[in-house]
Amino acid sequence: MVPRIETLNEKRLVGKRLTMSLTDNRTGELWKSFMPERRRIANNLTNDLISMQVYPSTYFANFNPAGEFEKWAAVEVPDFDRVPEGMETFTLTGGLYAVFDYRGSGNDNRIFQYIFGTWLPGSDYALDDRPHFEILGEKYKNNDPASEEEIWIPIKSKRQTL
């Protein structure tokens, strides 16, 4: 699977977040809290949902499945003028991303093993310290094997890291 390389413009997000780890995965809890209330966000730019992970800067260098990170359930908005009570805001800075068009169950971690274990080490890019996210559009079907989503991995040229 070859990703497309895109330069992302800044995005403004409104949603909810939880701190979790891979061993204490609270993704279901987060989305169960967010989905009934997302209709209160009146100024969505699209119908897409965004699942975002904000990792500490040393998360991947010292990888530990029990290491904590923030996970967000959010939507993109044009501004923060109307943020519903109980929701939070996040400004996703722009930058270079590898975008993988993924088809399959969200419970199948082989795509991430491929991205981090095969594609990234063999590419001209290194992981950048910015949020990772998935765009869950109209073809997203949660844990269905026919589900489709976009996986956005922050990257920078390996030449920048030398």
C-alpha atoms as a PDB file:
ATOM      1  CA  MET A   1       0.000   0.000   0.000  1.00  0.00           C
ATOM      2  CA  VAL A   2       1.514   3.280  -1.142  1.00  0.00           C
ATOM      3  CA  PRO A   3       0.270   6.427   0.581  1.00  0.00           C
ATOM      4  CA  ARG A   4      -0.273   9.770  -1.023  1.00  0.00           C
ATOM      5  CA  ILE A   5       1.798  12.595   0.470  1.00  0.00           C
ATOM      6  CA  GLU A   6      -0.244  15.677   1.305  1.00  0.00           C
ATOM      7  CA  THR A   7       0.382  19.041   2.902  1.00  0.00           C
ATOM      8  CA  LEU A   8      -2.396  19.622   5.402  1.00  0.00           C
ATOM      9  CA  ASN A   9      -3.661  23.123   6.097  1.00  0.00           C
ATOM     10  CA  GLU A  10      -4.499  24.018   9.688  1.00  0.00           C
ATOM     11  CA  LYS A  11      -7.794  22.541  10.925  1.00  0.00           C
ATOM     12  CA  ARG A  12      -9.991  23.647  13.798  1.00  0.00           C
ATOM     13  CA  LEU A  13     -11.643  20.781  15.652  1.00  0.00           C
ATOM     14  CA  VAL A  14     -14.389  20.564  18.255  1.00  0.00           C
ATOM     15  CA  GLY A  15     -15.003  17.397  20.198  1.00  0.00           C
ATOM     16  CA  LYS A  16     -14.161  15.358  23.262  1.00  0.00           C
ATOM     17  CA  ARG A  17     -10.948  13.740  24.468  1.00  0.00           C
ATOM     18  CA  LEU A  18      -9.794  11.063  26.867  1.00  0.00           C
ATOM     19  CA  THR A  19      -6.382   9.994  28.079  1.00  0.00           C
ATOM     20  CA  MET A  20      -5.706   6.324  27.362  1.00  0.00           C
ATOM     21  CA  SER A  21      -3.086   3.771  26.360  1.00  0.00           C
ATOM     22  CA  LEU A  22      -3.077   0.788  24.045  1.00  0.00           C
ATOM     23  CA  THR A  23      -3.368  -1.514  27.067  1.00  0.00           C
ATOM     24  CA  ASP A  24      -6.184   0.614  28.554  1.00  0.00           C
ATOM     25  CA  ASN A  25      -7.979   1.463  25.324  1.00  0.00           C
ATOM     26  CA  ARG A  26     -10.962   3.723  26.068  1.00  0.00           C
ATOM     27  CA  THR A  27     -11.855   4.465  22.429  1.00  0.00           C
ATOM     28  CA  GLY A  28     -15.338   2.943  22.740  1.00  0.00           C
ATOM     29  CA  GLU A  29     -16.057   5.005  25.846  1.00  0.00           C
ATOM     30  CA  LEU A  30     -14.909   8.189  24.081  1.00  0.00           C
ATOM     31  CA  TRP A  31     -17.080   7.664  21.000  1.00  0.00           C
ATOM     32  CA  LYS A  32     -20.123   6.590  23.066  1.00  0.00           C
ATOM     33  CA  SER A  33     -19.811   9.890  24.903  1.00  0.00           C
ATOM     34  CA  PHE A  34     -19.269  11.978  21.751  1.00  0.00           C
ATOM     35  CA  MET A  35     -21.732  10.555  19.197  1.00  0.00           C
ATOM     36  CA  PRO A  36     -25.022  11.411  20.965  1.00  0.00           C
ATOM     37  CA  GLU A  37     -23.815  14.994  21.444  1.00  0.00           C
ATOM     38  CA  ARG A  38     -22.127  15.707  18.112  1.00  0.00           C
ATOM     39  CA  ARG A  39     -25.366  17.118  16.666  1.00  0.00           C
ATOM     40  CA  ARG A  40     -24.965  20.031  19.094  1.00  0.00           C
ATOM     41  CA  ILE A  41     -21.979  21.193  17.009  1.00  0.00           C
ATOM     42  CA  ALA A  42     -23.908  23.401  14.599  1.00  0.00           C
ATOM     43  CA  ASN A  43     -21.098  24.655  12.362  1.00  0.00           C
ATOM     44  CA  ASN A  44     -19.492  21.424  11.033  1.00  0.00           C
ATOM     45  CA  LEU A  45     -17.596  21.915   7.770  1.00  0.00           C
ATOM     46  CA  THR A  46     -18.339  18.319   6.669  1.00  0.00           C
ATOM     47  CA  ASN A  47     -20.127  15.200   7.925  1.00  0.00           C
ATOM     48  CA  ASP A  48     -16.751  13.477   8.447  1.00  0.00           C
ATOM     49  CA  LEU A  49     -15.702  12.403  11.915  1.00  0.00           C
ATOM     50  CA  ILE A  50     -12.097  12.740  13.040  1.00  0.00           C
ATOM     51  CA  SER A  51     -10.405  10.294  15.374  1.00  0.00           C
ATOM     52  CA  MET A  52      -7.153  11.928  16.510  1.00  0.00           C
ATOM     53  CA  GLN A  53      -4.254  10.793  18.676  1.00  0.00           C
ATOM     54  CA  VAL A  54      -1.940  13.303  20.370  1.00  0.00           C
ATOM     55  CA  TYR A  55       1.186  11.490  21.536  1.00  0.00           C
ATOM     56  CA  PRO A  56       3.898  12.766  23.898  1.00  0.00           C
ATOM     57  CA  SER A  57       7.092  13.664  21.985  1.00  0.00           C
ATOM     58  CA  THR A  58       8.939  10.567  23.281  1.00  0.00           C
ATOM     59  CA  TYR A  59       6.041   8.123  22.722  1.00  0.00           C
ATOM     60  CA  PHE A  60       7.467   6.302  19.692  1.00  0.00           C
ATOM     61  CA  ALA A  61      11.151   6.542  20.692  1.00  0.00           C
ATOM     62  CA  ASN A  62      10.375   4.782  23.990  1.00  0.00           C
ATOM     63  CA  PHE A  63       7.364   2.775  22.817  1.00  0.00           C
ATOM     64  CA  ASN A  64       5.432   1.045  25.571  1.00  0.00           C
ATOM     65  CA  PRO A  65       1.848  -0.212  25.036  1.00  0.00           C
ATOM     66  CA  ALA A  66       1.002   1.181  28.485  1.00  0.00           C
ATOM     67  CA  GLY A  67       2.242   4.669  27.498  1.00  0.00           C
ATOM     68  CA  GLU A  68      -0.536   7.227  27.687  1.00  0.00           C
ATOM     69  CA  PHE A  69      -1.742   9.591  24.957  1.00  0.00           C
ATOM     70  CA  GLU A  70      -4.797  11.732  24.266  1.00  0.00           C
ATOM     71  CA  LYS A  71      -7.457  10.484  21.897  1.00  0.00           C
ATOM     72  CA  TRP A  72     -10.048  12.808  20.405  1.00  0.00           C
ATOM     73  CA  ALA A  73     -13.439  12.271  18.787  1.00  0.00           C
ATOM     74  CA  ALA A  74     -14.094  15.450  16.811  1.00  0.00           C
ATOM     75  CA  VAL A  75     -15.442  17.276  13.774  1.00  0.00           C
ATOM     76  CA  GLU A  76     -13.908  20.107  11.760  1.00  0.00           C
ATOM     77  CA  VAL A  77     -15.381  23.585  12.168  1.00  0.00           C
ATOM     78  CA  PRO A  78     -14.525  26.942  10.537  1.00  0.00           C
ATOM     79  CA  ASP A  79     -14.089  28.747  13.879  1.00  0.00           C
ATOM     80  CA  PHE A  80     -14.550  28.362  17.609  1.00  0.00           C
ATOM     81  CA  ASP A  81     -17.438  30.867  17.888  1.00  0.00           C
ATOM     82  CA  ARG A  82     -20.056  28.253  18.910  1.00  0.00           C
ATOM     83  CA  VAL A  83     -18.538  25.491  21.052  1.00  0.00           C
ATOM     84  CA  PRO A  84     -21.199  23.458  22.875  1.00  0.00           C
ATOM     85  CA  GLU A  85     -20.879  23.076  26.628  1.00  0.00           C
ATOM     86  CA  GLY A  86     -18.900  19.953  27.515  1.00  0.00           C
ATOM     87  CA  MET A  87     -16.898  20.055  24.261  1.00  0.00           C
ATOM     88  CA  GLU A  88     -13.319  21.195  23.747  1.00  0.00           C
ATOM     89  CA  THR A  89     -11.360  22.806  20.920  1.00  0.00           C
ATOM     90  CA  PHE A  90      -8.122  21.791  19.229  1.00  0.00           C
ATOM     91  CA  THR A  91      -6.145  23.536  16.493  1.00  0.00           C
ATOM     92  CA  LEU A  92      -4.441  20.934  14.323  1.00  0.00           C
ATOM     93  CA  THR A  93      -1.368  22.584  12.835  1.00  0.00           C
ATOM     94  CA  GLY A  94      -0.660  21.996   9.183  1.00  0.00           C
ATOM     95  CA  GLY A  95       2.208  20.041   7.760  1.00  0.00           C
ATOM     96  CA  LEU A  96       3.230  17.055   5.690  1.00  0.00           C
ATOM     97  CA  TYR A  97       1.280  13.797   6.060  1.00  0.00           C
ATOM     98  CA  ALA A  98       1.353  10.328   4.555  1.00  0.00           C
ATOM     99  CA  VAL A  99      -2.280   9.427   3.843  1.00  0.00           C
ATOM    100  CA  PHE A 100      -3.238   5.761   3.670  1.00  0.00           C
ATOM    101  CA  ASP A 101      -6.615   4.837   2.168  1.00  0.00           C
ATOM    102  CA  TYR A 102      -7.491   1.917   4.404  1.00  0.00           C
ATOM    103  CA  ARG A 103     -10.227  -0.645   3.881  1.00  0.00           C
ATOM    104  CA  GLY A 104     -10.868  -3.102   6.699  1.00  0.00           C
ATOM    105  CA  SER A 105     -11.845  -3.452  10.319  1.00  0.00           C
ATOM    106  CA  GLY A 106     -10.655  -0.831  12.771  1.00  0.00           C
ATOM    107  CA  ASN A 107      -9.729  -3.705  15.097  1.00  0.00           C
ATOM    108  CA  ASP A 108      -7.067  -5.002  12.669  1.00  0.00           C
ATOM    109  CA  ASN A 109      -3.750  -3.434  13.705  1.00  0.00           C
ATOM    110  CA  ARG A 110      -1.783  -4.907  10.796  1.00  0.00           C
ATOM    111  CA  ILE A 111      -2.106  -1.632   8.875  1.00  0.00           C
ATOM    112  CA  PHE A 112      -0.189   0.191  11.623  1.00  0.00           C
ATOM    113  CA  GLN A 113       2.422  -2.588  11.776  1.00  0.00           C
ATOM    114  CA  TYR A 114       2.889  -2.076   8.026  1.00  0.00           C
ATOM    115  CA  ILE A 115       3.045   1.741   8.276  1.00  0.00           C
ATOM    116  CA  PHE A 116       5.531   1.886  11.162  1.00  0.00           C
ATOM    117  CA  GLY A 117       7.421  -1.366  10.548  1.00  0.00           C
ATOM    118  CA  THR A 118       7.667  -1.479   6.747  1.00  0.00           C
ATOM    119  CA  TRP A 119       6.601   1.669   4.910  1.00  0.00           C
ATOM    120  CA  LEU A 120       8.114   4.366   7.144  1.00  0.00           C
ATOM    121  CA  PRO A 121      11.591   2.757   7.566  1.00  0.00           C
ATOM    122  CA  GLY A 122      11.799   2.162   3.796  1.00  0.00           C
ATOM    123  CA  SER A 123      10.580   5.622   2.812  1.00  0.00           C
ATOM    124  CA  ASP A 124      12.298   8.997   2.446  1.00  0.00           C
ATOM    125  CA  TYR A 125      10.367  10.195   5.509  1.00  0.00           C
ATOM    126  CA  ALA A 126      10.620  10.142   9.282  1.00  0.00           C
ATOM    127  CA  LEU A 127       7.790  10.427  11.784  1.00  0.00           C
ATOM    128  CA  ASP A 128       7.059  14.014  12.796  1.00  0.00           C
ATOM    129  CA  ASP A 129       5.914  15.090  16.267  1.00  0.00           C
ATOM    130  CA  ARG A 130       2.372  16.172  15.427  1.00  0.00           C
ATOM    131  CA  PRO A 131      -1.028  14.544  15.936  1.00  0.00           C
ATOM    132  CA  HIS A 132      -2.006  11.412  14.000  1.00  0.00           C
ATOM    133  CA  PHE A 133      -5.622  11.132  12.865  1.00  0.00           C
ATOM    134  CA  GLU A 134      -8.155   9.199  10.863  1.00  0.00           C
ATOM    135  CA  ILE A 135     -10.933  10.682   8.760  1.00  0.00           C
ATOM    136  CA  LEU A 136     -14.068   8.593   9.127  1.00  0.00           C
ATOM    137  CA  GLY A 137     -16.237   9.504   6.150  1.00  0.00           C
ATOM    138  CA  GLU A 138     -19.452   8.149   4.674  1.00  0.00           C
ATOM    139  CA  LYS A 139     -17.848   4.750   3.849  1.00  0.00           C
ATOM    140  CA  TYR A 140     -16.722   4.213   7.454  1.00  0.00           C
ATOM    141  CA  LYS A 141     -18.600   1.298   9.081  1.00  0.00           C
ATOM    142  CA  ASN A 142     -16.857   0.910  12.464  1.00  0.00           C
ATOM    143  CA  ASN A 143     -15.503  -2.662  12.744  1.00  0.00           C
ATOM    144  CA  ASP A 144     -16.867  -3.935   9.415  1.00  0.00           C
ATOM    145  CA  PRO A 145     -14.247  -5.526   7.092  1.00  0.00           C
ATOM    146  CA  ALA A 146     -15.674  -3.385   4.251  1.00  0.00           C
ATOM    147  CA  SER A 147     -15.186  -0.152   6.207  1.00  0.00           C
ATOM    148  CA  GLU A 148     -13.083   2.616   4.620  1.00  0.00           C
ATOM    149  CA  GLU A 149     -11.148   5.449   6.245  1.00  0.00           C
ATOM    150  CA  GLU A 150      -8.134   7.672   5.681  1.00  0.00           C
ATOM    151  CA  ILE A 151      -5.177   7.277   8.052  1.00  0.00           C
ATOM    152  CA  TRP A 152      -3.050  10.458   8.301  1.00  0.00           C
ATOM    153  CA  ILE A 153       0.501   9.987   9.647  1.00  0.00           C
ATOM    154  CA  PRO A 154       2.621  13.131  10.275  1.00  0.00           C
ATOM    155  CA  ILE A 155       5.947  12.971   8.429  1.00  0.00           C
ATOM    156  CA  LYS A 156       9.011  15.033   7.582  1.00  0.00           C
ATOM    157  CA  SER A 157      11.828  14.449   5.145  1.00  0.00           C
ATOM    158  CA  LYS A 158      14.618  12.243   6.524  1.00  0.00           C
ATOM    159  CA  ARG A 159      17.035  14.872   5.209  1.00  0.00           C
ATOM    160  CA  GLN A 160      15.581  17.294   7.805  1.00  0.00           C
ATOM    161  CA  THR A 161      16.499  14.897  10.609  1.00  0.00           C
ATOM    162  CA  LEU A 162      20.182  14.492   9.685  1.00  0.00           C
END
